[in-house]
Protein backbone atom coordinates (compact mmCIF):
# COMPACT_ATOMS: atom_id res chain seq x y z
CA MET A 1 -5.83 126.89 14.65
CA ASP A 2 -6.86 130.74 14.99
CA SER A 3 -5.04 133.47 16.88
CA ASP A 4 -7.55 136.18 17.23
CA SER A 5 -8.46 139.25 19.57
CA THR A 6 -11.70 140.61 20.01
CA ALA A 7 -10.64 143.38 22.16
CA GLY A 8 -9.83 146.82 20.85
CA ASN A 9 -6.18 146.39 21.90
CA ASP A 10 -4.59 142.96 20.31
CA LEU A 11 -3.78 140.63 23.14
CA GLY A 12 -3.47 137.59 21.06
CA TRP A 13 0.03 137.65 20.33
CA LEU A 14 0.84 137.52 24.47
CA LEU A 15 -1.58 134.29 24.52
CA GLU A 16 0.41 132.89 21.57
CA ASP A 17 3.63 133.64 23.60
CA LEU A 18 2.33 131.83 26.54
CA CYS A 19 1.09 128.62 24.54
CA GLY A 20 4.67 128.65 23.03
CA ARG A 21 6.13 128.68 26.27
CA VAL A 22 4.07 126.23 27.90
CA PRO A 23 5.02 122.56 26.39
CA HIS A 24 1.64 120.71 25.66
CA ALA A 25 -0.50 123.98 25.74
CA ARG A 26 -3.17 123.83 23.00
CA ALA A 27 -5.04 126.96 23.39
CA ALA A 28 -5.63 130.11 25.52
CA VAL A 29 -8.43 132.62 26.29
CA LEU A 30 -8.48 135.76 27.73
CA LEU A 31 -12.15 136.74 28.73
CA SER A 32 -14.07 139.06 31.16
CA SER A 33 -15.06 137.74 34.31
CA ASP A 34 -18.80 137.32 33.04
CA GLY A 35 -17.82 135.11 29.95
CA ILE A 36 -16.79 137.44 26.89
CA LYS A 37 -13.55 136.74 25.10
CA ARG A 38 -11.29 139.53 24.94
CA ALA A 39 -8.67 137.68 23.19
CA VAL A 40 -8.08 133.98 21.95
CA HIS A 41 -5.15 131.61 20.67
CA GLY A 42 -5.73 128.11 19.27
CA LEU A 43 -9.26 127.85 18.72
CA ALA A 44 -11.95 128.68 16.46
CA ALA A 45 -14.53 131.35 17.29
CA ASP A 46 -16.98 128.64 18.26
CA GLY A 47 -14.56 126.72 20.39
CA ALA A 48 -13.25 130.06 22.00
CA ASP A 49 -16.94 130.96 22.90
CA HIS A 50 -17.48 127.74 24.39
CA LEU A 51 -14.11 127.87 26.43
CA ALA A 52 -14.89 131.53 27.53
CA ALA A 53 -18.26 130.62 28.77
CA VAL A 54 -17.12 127.39 30.74
CA ALA A 55 -14.03 129.03 32.31
CA SER A 56 -16.38 131.85 33.30
CA GLY A 57 -18.57 129.35 35.12
CA LEU A 58 -15.66 127.81 36.78
CA TRP A 59 -14.32 130.96 37.86
CA SER A 60 -17.62 131.83 39.55
CA ILE A 61 -17.77 128.74 41.09
CA VAL A 62 -14.31 128.98 42.75
CA ARG A 63 -14.98 132.66 43.82
CA SER A 64 -18.26 131.53 45.65
CA ALA A 65 -16.06 128.40 47.03
CA GLY A 66 -13.70 130.89 48.53
CA LYS A 67 -16.02 133.24 50.22
CA HIS A 68 -17.81 130.52 51.82
CA PHE A 69 -14.73 127.90 52.96
CA GLY A 70 -11.66 130.22 52.01
CA SER A 71 -10.69 133.30 53.64
CA GLY A 72 -12.38 135.60 51.00
CA PRO A 73 -13.47 135.96 47.59
CA ARG A 74 -10.16 136.13 46.13
CA ALA A 75 -9.13 132.72 44.36
CA ARG A 76 -5.77 132.20 42.81
CA GLN A 77 -6.41 129.15 40.21
CA VAL A 78 -8.63 126.37 39.37
CA VAL A 79 -7.45 123.29 37.64
CA ALA A 80 -10.02 120.83 35.65
CA GLU A 81 -8.69 117.18 34.82
CA LEU A 82 -10.42 116.27 31.88
CA ASP A 83 -10.04 112.98 29.94
CA GLY A 84 -7.50 114.20 27.36
CA ALA A 85 -7.05 117.57 28.50
CA LEU A 86 -6.15 120.07 31.30
CA LEU A 87 -7.75 123.20 31.91
CA PHE A 88 -6.39 125.98 34.17
CA VAL A 89 -7.99 129.25 34.72
CA ALA A 90 -7.01 132.11 36.88
CA ALA A 91 -7.80 135.44 37.42
CA ALA A 92 -5.72 138.01 35.19
CA GLY A 93 -6.41 141.66 36.12
CA GLN A 94 -9.49 143.74 37.09
CA GLY A 95 -12.44 141.78 35.65
CA SER A 96 -10.82 139.36 33.78
CA VAL A 97 -9.97 135.69 33.65
CA LEU A 98 -7.21 133.66 31.72
CA ALA A 99 -8.05 130.05 30.73
CA VAL A 100 -5.29 127.55 29.26
CA LEU A 101 -6.02 124.26 27.69
CA THR A 102 -3.21 121.71 27.56
CA GLY A 103 -2.85 118.30 27.16
CA PRO A 104 -2.95 115.88 29.77
CA GLU A 105 1.13 115.48 29.81
CA ALA A 106 1.63 119.07 30.80
CA ASP A 107 3.53 119.87 33.77
CA PRO A 108 0.79 121.72 36.19
CA GLY A 109 3.45 123.67 37.69
CA VAL A 110 5.16 124.71 34.88
CA VAL A 111 1.65 125.86 33.41
CA GLY A 112 0.93 127.69 36.98
CA PHE A 113 4.05 129.47 36.67
CA GLU A 114 4.09 130.74 33.04
CA MET A 115 0.11 131.83 33.71
CA GLY A 116 1.60 133.83 36.58
CA ARG A 117 4.32 135.11 34.94
CA LEU A 118 2.36 136.69 32.25
CA ILE A 119 -0.32 137.93 34.47
CA GLN A 120 2.08 139.70 36.34
CA GLN A 121 4.08 141.06 33.74
CA VAL A 122 0.86 142.68 32.05
CA THR A 123 -1.68 143.04 34.52
CA SER A 124 -2.81 146.57 33.68
CA SER A 125 -3.27 145.36 29.87
CA LEU A 126 -5.40 142.12 30.80
CA GLY A 127 -7.99 144.06 32.87
CA THR A 128 -11.38 144.39 31.81
CA PRO A 129 -12.77 147.69 32.52
CA PRO A 130 -16.57 147.67 33.67
CA ARG A 131 -19.24 148.14 31.20
CA ASN A 132 -20.96 150.57 33.00
CA PRO A 133 -18.64 152.89 35.26
CA ALA A 134 -21.83 154.45 36.98
CA ALA A 135 -22.65 150.91 38.48
CA VAL A 136 -19.52 150.70 39.76
CA ALA A 137 -19.42 154.15 41.38
CA ARG A 138 -22.75 153.09 43.24
């Protein structure tokens, strides 16, 4: 298993620490909301790319559902129950998403708590700046 960071600042250690605190955690990926991985723990490059794409897609769907059926586009977390795994996806700062893959025996409450704790502690480090700042100003 790899522990990798693809951003200029090394955030892989945060994901490694998160996986160490969550029983049955297999992997974690920090990604931009459009699916570009920023930091990885527990997956090889191909697996990390795939998980980032899946998490980005899920997050996009959940935000859309929030706009139409909730009280706004802000979403908190999405959990996917898979055969043999659980996938947790949550907002992790401006323009960033955190995905955690666990075994099926993981306690969702513990996973959600630890993800939230990490996000609250280091939100400013997890954000993804816009790739085109001029587009944001418009």
